[in-house]
PDB file of N, CA and C in Angstrom:
ATOM      1  N   UNK A   1       7.398 -10.944 -12.631  1.00  0.00           N
ATOM      2  CA  UNK A   1       6.866 -12.167 -13.212  1.00  0.00           C
ATOM      3  C   UNK A   1       7.936 -13.185 -13.109  1.00  0.00           C
ATOM      4  N   UNK A   2       7.517 -14.303 -12.745  1.00  0.00           N
ATOM      5  CA  UNK A   2       8.454 -15.556 -12.495  1.00  0.00           C
ATOM      6  C   UNK A   2       8.556 -16.115 -13.910  1.00  0.00           C
ATOM      7  N   UNK A   3       9.476 -17.287 -13.917  1.00  0.00           N
ATOM      8  CA  UNK A   3       9.759 -17.833 -15.095  1.00  0.00           C
ATOM      9  C   UNK A   3       8.532 -18.617 -15.832  1.00  0.00           C
ATOM     10  N   UNK A   4       7.521 -18.932 -14.876  1.00  0.00           N
ATOM     11  CA  UNK A   4       6.346 -19.484 -15.295  1.00  0.00           C
ATOM     12  C   UNK A   4       5.322 -18.514 -16.086  1.00  0.00           C
ATOM     13  N   UNK A   5       5.732 -17.144 -16.042  1.00  0.00           N
ATOM     14  CA  UNK A   5       4.911 -16.124 -16.677  1.00  0.00           C
ATOM     15  C   UNK A   5       3.990 -15.563 -15.732  1.00  0.00           C
ATOM     16  N   UNK A   6       3.901 -15.972 -14.502  1.00  0.00           N
ATOM     17  CA  UNK A   6       3.019 -15.388 -13.470  1.00  0.00           C
ATOM     18  C   UNK A   6       3.766 -14.763 -12.426  1.00  0.00           C
ATOM     19  N   UNK A   7       2.967 -14.197 -11.487  1.00  0.00           N
ATOM     20  CA  UNK A   7       3.464 -13.642 -10.219  1.00  0.00           C
ATOM     21  C   UNK A   7       2.622 -14.059  -9.070  1.00  0.00           C
ATOM     22  N   UNK A   8       3.079 -13.947  -7.895  1.00  0.00           N
ATOM     23  CA  UNK A   8       2.303 -14.348  -6.684  1.00  0.00           C
ATOM     24  C   UNK A   8       2.311 -12.983  -5.843  1.00  0.00           C
ATOM     25  N   UNK A   9       1.422 -12.057  -6.211  1.00  0.00           N
ATOM     26  CA  UNK A   9       1.505 -10.726  -5.594  1.00  0.00           C
ATOM     27  C   UNK A   9       0.767 -10.635  -4.313  1.00  0.00           C
ATOM     28  N   UNK A  10       1.231  -9.697  -3.448  1.00  0.00           N
ATOM     29  CA  UNK A  10       0.511  -9.240  -2.233  1.00  0.00           C
ATOM     30  C   UNK A  10       0.886  -7.900  -2.007  1.00  0.00           C
ATOM     31  N   UNK A  11       0.023  -7.232  -1.181  1.00  0.00           N
ATOM     32  CA  UNK A  11       0.221  -5.689  -0.996  1.00  0.00           C
ATOM     33  C   UNK A  11       0.557  -5.434   0.445  1.00  0.00           C
ATOM     34  N   UNK A  12       1.557  -4.624   0.647  1.00  0.00           N
ATOM     35  CA  UNK A  12       1.911  -4.223   2.031  1.00  0.00           C
ATOM     36  C   UNK A  12       1.385  -2.824   2.208  1.00  0.00           C
ATOM     37  N   UNK A  13       0.980  -2.535   3.359  1.00  0.00           N
ATOM     38  CA  UNK A  13       0.397  -1.148   3.860  1.00  0.00           C
ATOM     39  C   UNK A  13       1.148  -0.752   5.040  1.00  0.00           C
ATOM     40  N   UNK A  14       1.745   0.475   5.129  1.00  0.00           N
ATOM     41  CA  UNK A  14       2.344   0.917   6.252  1.00  0.00           C
ATOM     42  C   UNK A  14       2.106   2.403   6.455  1.00  0.00           C
ATOM     43  N   UNK A  15       1.695   2.697   7.726  1.00  0.00           N
ATOM     44  CA  UNK A  15       1.464   4.036   8.138  1.00  0.00           C
ATOM     45  C   UNK A  15       2.839   4.712   8.648  1.00  0.00           C
ATOM     46  N   UNK A  16       3.302   5.646   8.227  1.00  0.00           N
ATOM     47  CA  UNK A  16       4.502   6.243   8.506  1.00  0.00           C
ATOM     48  C   UNK A  16       4.410   7.659   9.030  1.00  0.00           C
ATOM     49  N   UNK A  17       5.246   8.273   9.819  1.00  0.00           N
ATOM     50  CA  UNK A  17       6.429   7.585  10.386  1.00  0.00           C
ATOM     51  C   UNK A  17       5.940   6.298  11.225  1.00  0.00           C
ATOM     52  N   UNK A  18       6.709   5.331  11.080  1.00  0.00           N
ATOM     53  CA  UNK A  18       6.404   3.997  11.616  1.00  0.00           C
ATOM     54  C   UNK A  18       5.969   3.972  13.159  1.00  0.00           C
ATOM     55  N   UNK A  19       4.948   3.281  13.296  1.00  0.00           N
ATOM     56  CA  UNK A  19       4.414   3.193  14.739  1.00  0.00           C
ATOM     57  C   UNK A  19       4.606   1.703  15.113  1.00  0.00           C
ATOM     58  N   UNK A  20       5.581   0.984  14.678  1.00  0.00           N
ATOM     59  CA  UNK A  20       5.839  -0.315  14.996  1.00  0.00           C
ATOM     60  C   UNK A  20       4.988  -1.268  14.242  1.00  0.00           C
ATOM     61  N   UNK A  21       4.799  -2.560  14.809  1.00  0.00           N
ATOM     62  CA  UNK A  21       4.100  -3.580  14.090  1.00  0.00           C
ATOM     63  C   UNK A  21       2.674  -3.175  13.837  1.00  0.00           C
ATOM     64  N   UNK A  22       2.016  -2.444  14.764  1.00  0.00           N
ATOM     65  CA  UNK A  22       0.652  -2.068  14.556  1.00  0.00           C
ATOM     66  C   UNK A  22       0.456  -1.067  13.298  1.00  0.00           C
ATOM     67  N   UNK A  23       1.555  -0.661  12.747  1.00  0.00           N
ATOM     68  CA  UNK A  23       1.388   0.325  11.546  1.00  0.00           C
ATOM     69  C   UNK A  23       1.462  -0.508  10.265  1.00  0.00           C
ATOM     70  N   UNK A  24       1.710  -1.786  10.335  1.00  0.00           N
ATOM     71  CA  UNK A  24       1.997  -2.612   9.094  1.00  0.00           C
ATOM     72  C   UNK A  24       0.966  -3.641   8.922  1.00  0.00           C
ATOM     73  N   UNK A  25       0.567  -3.878   7.706  1.00  0.00           N
ATOM     74  CA  UNK A  25      -0.413  -4.826   7.349  1.00  0.00           C
ATOM     75  C   UNK A  25      -0.042  -5.412   5.901  1.00  0.00           C
ATOM     76  N   UNK A  26      -0.534  -6.544   5.682  1.00  0.00           N
ATOM     77  CA  UNK A  26      -0.375  -7.114   4.283  1.00  0.00           C
ATOM     78  C   UNK A  26      -1.470  -8.007   3.971  1.00  0.00           C
ATOM     79  N   UNK A  27      -1.817  -8.053   2.607  1.00  0.00           N
ATOM     80  CA  UNK A  27      -2.917  -8.814   2.201  1.00  0.00           C
ATOM     81  C   UNK A  27      -2.583 -10.334   2.046  1.00  0.00           C
ATOM     82  N   UNK A  28      -3.503 -11.079   1.691  1.00  0.00           N
ATOM     83  CA  UNK A  28      -3.223 -12.516   1.359  1.00  0.00           C
ATOM     84  C   UNK A  28      -2.457 -12.486  -0.086  1.00  0.00           C
ATOM     85  N   UNK A  29      -1.709 -13.530  -0.216  1.00  0.00           N
ATOM     86  CA  UNK A  29      -0.963 -13.626  -1.496  1.00  0.00           C
ATOM     87  C   UNK A  29      -2.005 -14.321  -2.414  1.00  0.00           C
ATOM     88  N   UNK A  30      -1.917 -13.615  -3.760  1.00  0.00           N
ATOM     89  CA  UNK A  30      -2.713 -14.160  -4.878  1.00  0.00           C
ATOM     90  C   UNK A  30      -1.803 -14.978  -5.772  1.00  0.00           C
ATOM     91  N   UNK A  31      -1.951 -16.358  -5.781  1.00  0.00           N
ATOM     92  CA  UNK A  31      -1.044 -17.178  -6.504  1.00  0.00           C
ATOM     93  C   UNK A  31      -1.275 -17.161  -8.012  1.00  0.00           C
ATOM     94  N   UNK A  32      -0.131 -17.157  -8.665  1.00  0.00           N
ATOM     95  CA  UNK A  32      -0.148 -17.290 -10.180  1.00  0.00           C
ATOM     96  C   UNK A  32      -1.099 -16.445 -10.948  1.00  0.00           C
ATOM     97  N   UNK A  33      -0.871 -15.058 -10.729  1.00  0.00           N
ATOM     98  CA  UNK A  33      -1.762 -14.014 -11.477  1.00  0.00           C
ATOM     99  C   UNK A  33      -0.904 -12.836 -11.865  1.00  0.00           C
ATOM    100  N   UNK A  34      -1.247 -12.261 -12.917  1.00  0.00           N
ATOM    101  CA  UNK A  34      -0.721 -10.985 -13.229  1.00  0.00           C
ATOM    102  C   UNK A  34      -1.695  -9.811 -13.104  1.00  0.00           C
ATOM    103  N   UNK A  35      -2.980 -10.190 -12.632  1.00  0.00           N
ATOM    104  CA  UNK A  35      -4.058  -9.302 -12.555  1.00  0.00           C
ATOM    105  C   UNK A  35      -4.885  -9.501 -11.303  1.00  0.00           C
ATOM    106  N   UNK A  36      -4.142  -9.322 -10.213  1.00  0.00           N
ATOM    107  CA  UNK A  36      -4.785  -9.600  -8.822  1.00  0.00           C
ATOM    108  C   UNK A  36      -5.781  -8.552  -8.423  1.00  0.00           C
ATOM    109  N   UNK A  37      -6.816  -9.066  -7.676  1.00  0.00           N
ATOM    110  CA  UNK A  37      -7.769  -8.113  -7.065  1.00  0.00           C
ATOM    111  C   UNK A  37      -7.701  -8.384  -5.566  1.00  0.00           C
ATOM    112  N   UNK A  38      -7.407  -7.279  -4.807  1.00  0.00           N
ATOM    113  CA  UNK A  38      -7.371  -7.386  -3.311  1.00  0.00           C
ATOM    114  C   UNK A  38      -8.517  -6.630  -2.745  1.00  0.00           C
ATOM    115  N   UNK A  39      -9.512  -7.391  -2.295  1.00  0.00           N
ATOM    116  CA  UNK A  39     -10.657  -6.799  -1.665  1.00  0.00           C
ATOM    117  C   UNK A  39     -10.594  -7.041  -0.144  1.00  0.00           C
ATOM    118  N   UNK A  40      -9.561  -6.346   0.449  1.00  0.00           N
ATOM    119  CA  UNK A  40      -9.350  -6.496   1.875  1.00  0.00           C
ATOM    120  C   UNK A  40      -9.323  -5.056   2.533  1.00  0.00           C
ATOM    121  N   UNK A  41      -9.834  -5.024   3.775  1.00  0.00           N
ATOM    122  CA  UNK A  41      -9.693  -3.727   4.485  1.00  0.00           C
ATOM    123  C   UNK A  41      -8.843  -3.820   5.703  1.00  0.00           C
ATOM    124  N   UNK A  42      -8.277  -2.637   5.868  1.00  0.00           N
ATOM    125  CA  UNK A  42      -7.291  -2.548   7.110  1.00  0.00           C
ATOM    126  C   UNK A  42      -7.700  -1.251   7.885  1.00  0.00           C
ATOM    127  N   UNK A  43      -7.675  -1.231   9.096  1.00  0.00           N
ATOM    128  CA  UNK A  43      -7.855  -0.034   9.907  1.00  0.00           C
ATOM    129  C   UNK A  43      -6.736   0.222  10.892  1.00  0.00           C
ATOM    130  N   UNK A  44      -6.532   1.439  11.474  1.00  0.00           N
ATOM    131  CA  UNK A  44      -5.629   1.826  12.256  1.00  0.00           C
ATOM    132  C   UNK A  44      -6.145   2.583  13.461  1.00  0.00           C
ATOM    133  N   UNK A  45      -5.681   2.172  14.705  1.00  0.00           N
ATOM    134  CA  UNK A  45      -6.125   3.019  15.789  1.00  0.00           C
ATOM    135  C   UNK A  45      -5.147   4.196  16.022  1.00  0.00           C
ATOM    136  N   UNK A  46      -5.716   5.352  15.665  1.00  0.00           N
ATOM    137  CA  UNK A  46      -4.949   6.450  15.731  1.00  0.00           C
ATOM    138  C   UNK A  46      -5.849   7.767  15.823  1.00  0.00           C
ATOM    139  N   UNK A  47      -5.230   8.736  16.622  1.00  0.00           N
ATOM    140  CA  UNK A  47      -5.959  10.016  16.884  1.00  0.00           C
ATOM    141  C   UNK A  47      -6.076  10.813  15.568  1.00  0.00           C
ATOM    142  N   UNK A  48      -7.237  11.274  15.214  1.00  0.00           N
ATOM    143  CA  UNK A  48      -7.516  11.996  14.004  1.00  0.00           C
ATOM    144  C   UNK A  48      -6.464  13.122  13.830  1.00  0.00           C
ATOM    145  N   UNK A  49      -6.052  13.903  14.851  1.00  0.00           N
ATOM    146  CA  UNK A  49      -5.112  14.938  14.790  1.00  0.00           C
ATOM    147  C   UNK A  49      -3.816  14.307  14.490  1.00  0.00           C
ATOM    148  N   UNK A  50      -3.439  13.275  14.760  1.00  0.00           N
ATOM    149  CA  UNK A  50      -2.109  12.568  14.402  1.00  0.00           C
ATOM    150  C   UNK A  50      -2.057  12.119  12.969  1.00  0.00           C
ATOM    151  N   UNK A  51      -3.345  11.757  12.349  1.00  0.00           N
ATOM    152  CA  UNK A  51      -3.298  11.361  11.008  1.00  0.00           C
ATOM    153  C   UNK A  51      -2.751  12.216  10.011  1.00  0.00           C
ATOM    154  N   UNK A  52      -2.974  13.583  10.193  1.00  0.00           N
ATOM    155  CA  UNK A  52      -2.502  14.547   9.258  1.00  0.00           C
ATOM    156  C   UNK A  52      -0.967  14.566   9.028  1.00  0.00           C
ATOM    157  N   UNK A  53      -0.398  13.995  10.111  1.00  0.00           N
ATOM    158  CA  UNK A  53       1.096  13.937  10.013  1.00  0.00           C
ATOM    159  C   UNK A  53       1.762  12.658   9.574  1.00  0.00           C
ATOM    160  N   UNK A  54       0.933  11.761   9.114  1.00  0.00           N
ATOM    161  CA  UNK A  54       1.197  10.426   8.706  1.00  0.00           C
ATOM    162  C   UNK A  54       1.196  10.414   7.161  1.00  0.00           C
ATOM    163  N   UNK A  55       1.879   9.266   6.573  1.00  0.00           N
ATOM    164  CA  UNK A  55       1.851   8.926   5.268  1.00  0.00           C
ATOM    165  C   UNK A  55       1.427   7.483   5.169  1.00  0.00           C
ATOM    166  N   UNK A  56       0.514   7.075   4.262  1.00  0.00           N
ATOM    167  CA  UNK A  56       0.069   5.742   4.055  1.00  0.00           C
ATOM    168  C   UNK A  56       0.872   5.155   2.902  1.00  0.00           C
ATOM    169  N   UNK A  57       1.787   4.312   3.072  1.00  0.00           N
ATOM    170  CA  UNK A  57       2.674   3.707   2.167  1.00  0.00           C
ATOM    171  C   UNK A  57       2.055   2.376   1.574  1.00  0.00           C
ATOM    172  N   UNK A  58       1.668   2.327   0.329  1.00  0.00           N
ATOM    173  CA  UNK A  58       1.066   1.028  -0.203  1.00  0.00           C
ATOM    174  C   UNK A  58       2.075   0.601  -1.358  1.00  0.00           C
ATOM    175  N   UNK A  59       2.386  -0.773  -1.133  1.00  0.00           N
ATOM    176  CA  UNK A  59       3.396  -1.317  -2.071  1.00  0.00           C
ATOM    177  C   UNK A  59       3.061  -2.684  -2.542  1.00  0.00           C
ATOM    178  N   UNK A  60       3.253  -3.083  -3.796  1.00  0.00           N
ATOM    179  CA  UNK A  60       2.875  -4.417  -4.271  1.00  0.00           C
ATOM    180  C   UNK A  60       4.157  -5.306  -4.396  1.00  0.00           C
ATOM    181  N   UNK A  61       4.218  -6.637  -3.980  1.00  0.00           N
ATOM    182  CA  UNK A  61       5.309  -7.388  -3.928  1.00  0.00           C
ATOM    183  C   UNK A  61       5.010  -8.687  -4.610  1.00  0.00           C
ATOM    184  N   UNK A  62       5.997  -9.404  -4.916  1.00  0.00           N
ATOM    185  CA  UNK A  62       5.839 -10.641  -5.583  1.00  0.00           C
ATOM    186  C   UNK A  62       6.494 -11.695  -4.509  1.00  0.00           C
ATOM    187  N   UNK A  63       5.705 -12.593  -3.946  1.00  0.00           N
ATOM    188  CA  UNK A  63       6.068 -13.595  -2.965  1.00  0.00           C
ATOM    189  C   UNK A  63       6.918 -14.594  -3.601  1.00  0.00           C
ATOM    190  N   UNK A  64       8.077 -14.892  -2.923  1.00  0.00           N
ATOM    191  CA  UNK A  64       9.074 -15.906  -3.475  1.00  0.00           C
ATOM    192  C   UNK A  64       9.388 -16.790  -2.257  1.00  0.00           C
ATOM    193  N   UNK A  65       9.117 -18.159  -2.375  1.00  0.00           N
ATOM    194  CA  UNK A  65       9.484 -19.157  -1.441  1.00  0.00           C
ATOM    195  C   UNK A  65      10.934 -19.235  -1.264  1.00  0.00           C
ATOM    196  N   UNK A  66      11.534 -19.181  -0.043  1.00  0.00           N
ATOM    197  CA  UNK A  66      12.957 -19.525   0.235  1.00  0.00           C
ATOM    198  C   UNK A  66      13.894 -18.189  -0.110  1.00  0.00           C
ATOM    199  N   UNK A  67      13.407 -17.257  -0.618  1.00  0.00           N
ATOM    200  CA  UNK A  67      14.196 -16.054  -0.860  1.00  0.00           C
ATOM    201  C   UNK A  67      13.441 -14.784  -0.633  1.00  0.00           C
ATOM    202  N   UNK A  68      14.214 -13.630  -0.666  1.00  0.00           N
ATOM    203  CA  UNK A  68      13.438 -12.490  -0.359  1.00  0.00           C
ATOM    204  C   UNK A  68      12.450 -12.040  -1.336  1.00  0.00           C
ATOM    205  N   UNK A  69      11.333 -11.359  -1.022  1.00  0.00           N
ATOM    206  CA  UNK A  69      10.165 -10.958  -1.992  1.00  0.00           C
ATOM    207  C   UNK A  69      10.743  -9.928  -2.775  1.00  0.00           C
ATOM    208  N   UNK A  70      10.166  -9.777  -4.098  1.00  0.00           N
ATOM    209  CA  UNK A  70      10.502  -8.856  -4.984  1.00  0.00           C
ATOM    210  C   UNK A  70       9.464  -7.733  -5.022  1.00  0.00           C
ATOM    211  N   UNK A  71      10.012  -6.416  -4.980  1.00  0.00           N
ATOM    212  CA  UNK A  71       9.145  -5.259  -5.291  1.00  0.00           C
ATOM    213  C   UNK A  71       8.666  -5.315  -6.654  1.00  0.00           C
ATOM    214  N   UNK A  72       7.366  -5.113  -6.926  1.00  0.00           N
ATOM    215  CA  UNK A  72       7.059  -5.057  -8.412  1.00  0.00           C
ATOM    216  C   UNK A  72       7.187  -3.612  -8.891  1.00  0.00           C
ATOM    217  N   UNK A  73       8.021  -3.622  -9.921  1.00  0.00           N
ATOM    218  CA  UNK A  73       8.191  -2.295 -10.487  1.00  0.00           C
ATOM    219  C   UNK A  73       7.763  -2.223 -11.837  1.00  0.00           C
ATOM    220  N   UNK A  74       8.468  -1.464 -12.823  1.00  0.00           N
ATOM    221  CA  UNK A  74       8.067  -1.238 -14.228  1.00  0.00           C
ATOM    222  C   UNK A  74       6.933  -0.294 -14.294  1.00  0.00           C
ATOM    223  N   UNK A  75       7.143   0.806 -13.634  1.00  0.00           N
ATOM    224  CA  UNK A  75       6.145   1.902 -13.626  1.00  0.00           C
ATOM    225  C   UNK A  75       4.883   1.576 -12.847  1.00  0.00           C
ATOM    226  N   UNK A  76       4.931   0.599 -11.958  1.00  0.00           N
ATOM    227  CA  UNK A  76       3.858   0.313 -11.059  1.00  0.00           C
ATOM    228  C   UNK A  76       4.499  -0.322  -9.755  1.00  0.00           C
ATOM    229  N   UNK A  77       3.719  -0.493  -8.781  1.00  0.00           N
ATOM    230  CA  UNK A  77       4.159  -1.176  -7.665  1.00  0.00           C
ATOM    231  C   UNK A  77       3.920  -0.438  -6.366  1.00  0.00           C
ATOM    232  N   UNK A  78       3.837   0.844  -6.397  1.00  0.00           N
ATOM    233  CA  UNK A  78       3.631   1.529  -5.091  1.00  0.00           C
ATOM    234  C   UNK A  78       2.855   2.822  -5.218  1.00  0.00           C
ATOM    235  N   UNK A  79       2.322   3.289  -4.139  1.00  0.00           N
ATOM    236  CA  UNK A  79       1.517   4.505  -4.054  1.00  0.00           C
ATOM    237  C   UNK A  79       1.610   5.069  -2.559  1.00  0.00           C
ATOM    238  N   UNK A  80       1.750   6.371  -2.424  1.00  0.00           N
ATOM    239  CA  UNK A  80       1.739   6.967  -1.189  1.00  0.00           C
ATOM    240  C   UNK A  80       0.657   7.972  -1.017  1.00  0.00           C
ATOM    241  N   UNK A  81      -0.004   7.939   0.012  1.00  0.00           N
ATOM    242  CA  UNK A  81      -1.082   8.949   0.412  1.00  0.00           C
ATOM    243  C   UNK A  81      -0.619   9.680   1.622  1.00  0.00           C
ATOM    244  N   UNK A  82      -0.781  11.040   1.496  1.00  0.00           N
ATOM    245  CA  UNK A  82      -0.260  11.814   2.631  1.00  0.00           C
ATOM    246  C   UNK A  82      -0.124  13.288   2.283  1.00  0.00           C
ATOM    247  N   UNK A  83       0.296  14.113   3.165  1.00  0.00           N
ATOM    248  CA  UNK A  83       0.496  15.592   2.930  1.00  0.00           C
ATOM    249  C   UNK A  83       1.467  15.816   1.943  1.00  0.00           C
ATOM    250  N   UNK A  84       2.495  14.963   1.632  1.00  0.00           N
ATOM    251  CA  UNK A  84       3.384  15.304   0.605  1.00  0.00           C
ATOM    252  C   UNK A  84       3.004  14.620  -0.769  1.00  0.00           C
ATOM    253  N   UNK A  85       1.848  13.964  -0.744  1.00  0.00           N
ATOM    254  CA  UNK A  85       1.395  13.469  -2.152  1.00  0.00           C
ATOM    255  C   UNK A  85       1.057  14.640  -2.998  1.00  0.00           C
ATOM    256  N   UNK A  86       0.815  14.243  -4.358  1.00  0.00           N
ATOM    257  CA  UNK A  86       0.339  15.252  -5.271  1.00  0.00           C
ATOM    258  C   UNK A  86      -0.915  14.862  -6.136  1.00  0.00           C
ATOM    259  N   UNK A  87      -1.642  15.709  -6.578  1.00  0.00           N
ATOM    260  CA  UNK A  87      -2.833  15.474  -7.427  1.00  0.00           C
ATOM    261  C   UNK A  87      -3.833  14.679  -6.755  1.00  0.00           C
ATOM    262  N   UNK A  88      -4.338  13.599  -7.380  1.00  0.00           N
ATOM    263  CA  UNK A  88      -5.497  12.889  -6.854  1.00  0.00           C
ATOM    264  C   UNK A  88      -5.106  12.204  -5.609  1.00  0.00           C
ATOM    265  N   UNK A  89      -3.938  11.817  -5.320  1.00  0.00           N
ATOM    266  CA  UNK A  89      -3.512  11.070  -4.080  1.00  0.00           C
ATOM    267  C   UNK A  89      -3.627  12.138  -2.904  1.00  0.00           C
ATOM    268  N   UNK A  90      -3.222  13.407  -3.140  1.00  0.00           N
ATOM    269  CA  UNK A  90      -3.313  14.343  -2.109  1.00  0.00           C
ATOM    270  C   UNK A  90      -4.719  14.797  -1.898  1.00  0.00           C
ATOM    271  N   UNK A  91      -5.541  14.948  -3.048  1.00  0.00           N
ATOM    272  CA  UNK A  91      -6.970  15.125  -2.838  1.00  0.00           C
ATOM    273  C   UNK A  91      -7.740  14.076  -2.072  1.00  0.00           C
ATOM    274  N   UNK A  92      -7.344  12.805  -2.310  1.00  0.00           N
ATOM    275  CA  UNK A  92      -7.869  11.732  -1.536  1.00  0.00           C
ATOM    276  C   UNK A  92      -7.513  11.769  -0.050  1.00  0.00           C
ATOM    277  N   UNK A  93      -6.240  12.071   0.240  1.00  0.00           N
ATOM    278  CA  UNK A  93      -5.813  12.240   1.648  1.00  0.00           C
ATOM    279  C   UNK A  93      -6.648  13.325   2.380  1.00  0.00           C
ATOM    280  N   UNK A  94      -6.831  14.555   1.824  1.00  0.00           N
ATOM    281  CA  UNK A  94      -7.515  15.629   2.391  1.00  0.00           C
ATOM    282  C   UNK A  94      -8.919  15.201   2.602  1.00  0.00           C
ATOM    283  N   UNK A  95      -9.493  14.530   1.570  1.00  0.00           N
ATOM    284  CA  UNK A  95     -10.883  14.060   1.771  1.00  0.00           C
ATOM    285  C   UNK A  95     -11.015  13.083   2.875  1.00  0.00           C
ATOM    286  N   UNK A  96     -10.051  12.125   3.095  1.00  0.00           N
ATOM    287  CA  UNK A  96     -10.059  11.275   4.268  1.00  0.00           C
ATOM    288  C   UNK A  96     -10.041  12.093   5.607  1.00  0.00           C
ATOM    289  N   UNK A  97      -9.115  13.033   5.603  1.00  0.00           N
ATOM    290  CA  UNK A  97      -8.981  13.892   6.831  1.00  0.00           C
ATOM    291  C   UNK A  97     -10.148  14.585   7.129  1.00  0.00           C
ATOM    292  N   UNK A  98     -10.910  15.162   6.142  1.00  0.00           N
ATOM    293  CA  UNK A  98     -12.059  15.899   6.371  1.00  0.00           C
ATOM    294  C   UNK A  98     -13.317  15.073   6.678  1.00  0.00           C
ATOM    295  N   UNK A  99     -13.370  13.786   6.411  1.00  0.00           N
ATOM    296  CA  UNK A  99     -14.377  12.989   6.713  1.00  0.00           C
ATOM    297  C   UNK A  99     -14.170  11.967   7.628  1.00  0.00           C
ATOM    298  N   UNK A 100     -13.927  12.323   8.863  1.00  0.00           N
ATOM    299  CA  UNK A 100     -13.581  11.357   9.987  1.00  0.00           C
ATOM    300  C   UNK A 100     -14.588  10.372  10.127  1.00  0.00           C
ATOM    301  N   UNK A 101     -14.013   9.017  10.276  1.00  0.00           N
ATOM    302  CA  UNK A 101     -14.833   7.901  10.462  1.00  0.00           C
ATOM    303  C   UNK A 101     -15.687   7.475   9.303  1.00  0.00           C
ATOM    304  N   UNK A 102     -15.297   7.845   8.165  1.00  0.00           N
ATOM    305  CA  UNK A 102     -16.093   7.617   6.862  1.00  0.00           C
ATOM    306  C   UNK A 102     -15.046   6.924   5.963  1.00  0.00           C
ATOM    307  N   UNK A 103     -15.602   5.876   5.385  1.00  0.00           N
ATOM    308  CA  UNK A 103     -14.704   5.156   4.255  1.00  0.00           C
ATOM    309  C   UNK A 103     -14.819   6.026   2.983  1.00  0.00           C
ATOM    310  N   UNK A 104     -13.511   6.324   2.507  1.00  0.00           N
ATOM    311  CA  UNK A 104     -13.388   7.045   1.245  1.00  0.00           C
ATOM    312  C   UNK A 104     -12.555   6.214   0.247  1.00  0.00           C
ATOM    313  N   UNK A 105     -13.172   5.648  -0.787  1.00  0.00           N
ATOM    314  CA  UNK A 105     -12.533   4.756  -1.551  1.00  0.00           C
ATOM    315  C   UNK A 105     -12.103   5.437  -2.999  1.00  0.00           C
ATOM    316  N   UNK A 106     -10.868   5.190  -3.355  1.00  0.00           N
ATOM    317  CA  UNK A 106     -10.481   5.728  -4.736  1.00  0.00           C
ATOM    318  C   UNK A 106      -9.519   4.654  -5.362  1.00  0.00           C
ATOM    319  N   UNK A 107      -9.432   4.801  -6.704  1.00  0.00           N
ATOM    320  CA  UNK A 107      -8.436   4.031  -7.310  1.00  0.00           C
ATOM    321  C   UNK A 107      -7.215   4.997  -7.651  1.00  0.00           C
ATOM    322  N   UNK A 108      -5.992   4.398  -7.551  1.00  0.00           N
ATOM    323  CA  UNK A 108      -4.800   5.214  -7.866  1.00  0.00           C
ATOM    324  C   UNK A 108      -3.839   4.340  -8.620  1.00  0.00           C
ATOM    325  N   UNK A 109      -3.135   4.975  -9.546  1.00  0.00           N
ATOM    326  CA  UNK A 109      -2.118   4.343 -10.352  1.00  0.00           C
ATOM    327  C   UNK A 109      -0.983   4.124  -9.408  1.00  0.00           C
ATOM    328  N   UNK A 110      -0.408   2.841  -9.606  1.00  0.00           N
ATOM    329  CA  UNK A 110       0.802   2.431  -8.808  1.00  0.00           C
ATOM    330  C   UNK A 110       2.082   3.052  -9.644  1.00  0.00           C
ATOM    331  N   UNK A 111       2.950   3.658  -8.826  1.00  0.00           N
ATOM    332  CA  UNK A 111       4.246   4.105  -9.371  1.00  0.00           C
ATOM    333  C   UNK A 111       5.458   3.465  -8.736  1.00  0.00           C
ATOM    334  N   UNK A 112       6.596   3.656  -9.369  1.00  0.00           N
ATOM    335  CA  UNK A 112       7.786   3.089  -8.866  1.00  0.00           C
ATOM    336  C   UNK A 112       8.379   4.206  -7.799  1.00  0.00           C
ATOM    337  N   UNK A 113       7.876   4.073  -6.619  1.00  0.00           N
ATOM    338  CA  UNK A 113       8.229   5.021  -5.561  1.00  0.00           C
ATOM    339  C   UNK A 113       8.926   4.314  -4.355  1.00  0.00           C
ATOM    340  N   UNK A 114       9.282   5.125  -3.396  1.00  0.00           N
ATOM    341  CA  UNK A 114       9.848   4.532  -2.220  1.00  0.00           C
ATOM    342  C   UNK A 114       8.706   3.668  -1.556  1.00  0.00           C
ATOM    343  N   UNK A 115       9.238   2.604  -0.882  1.00  0.00           N
ATOM    344  CA  UNK A 115       8.288   1.701  -0.371  1.00  0.00           C
ATOM    345  C   UNK A 115       8.768   0.966   0.927  1.00  0.00           C
ATOM    346  N   UNK A 116       7.853   0.352   1.627  1.00  0.00           N
ATOM    347  CA  UNK A 116       8.231  -0.382   2.729  1.00  0.00           C
ATOM    348  C   UNK A 116       9.172  -1.586   2.328  1.00  0.00           C
ATOM    349  N   UNK A 117      10.060  -1.932   3.227  1.00  0.00           N
ATOM    350  CA  UNK A 117      11.042  -2.983   2.871  1.00  0.00           C
ATOM    351  C   UNK A 117      10.404  -4.309   2.982  1.00  0.00           C
ATOM    352  N   UNK A 118      10.871  -5.320   2.377  1.00  0.00           N
ATOM    353  CA  UNK A 118      10.325  -6.711   2.345  1.00  0.00           C
ATOM    354  C   UNK A 118      10.633  -7.352   3.654  1.00  0.00           C
ATOM    355  N   UNK A 119       9.719  -8.231   4.118  1.00  0.00           N
ATOM    356  CA  UNK A 119       9.919  -8.941   5.393  1.00  0.00           C
ATOM    357  C   UNK A 119      10.507 -10.223   5.083  1.00  0.00           C
TER     358      UNK A 119
END
């Protein structure tokens, strides 16, 4: 949260191990809000067999003009989906792997986890 009581959040998504620039995406910045909604879709060109070895890293950041962006923490801010995930996140990943070329949507709690670095 900025001094004005708001944040300018955006989401970064990275498919790891990193495949270079084509593995990274980010949403538009939502100005002056603490309750953003990101209704954006991203896709990756990857062989289905390779997907099982990847992790999808999702992190929420606060955009700052003229300085580095802040990772949003306080028990929220990131989520990882992949073979090393646990609980509902692992179940979601398996469901995605099982249903090739099908959109599988789920809500996940954001946690203070490892995340992609700020650009």
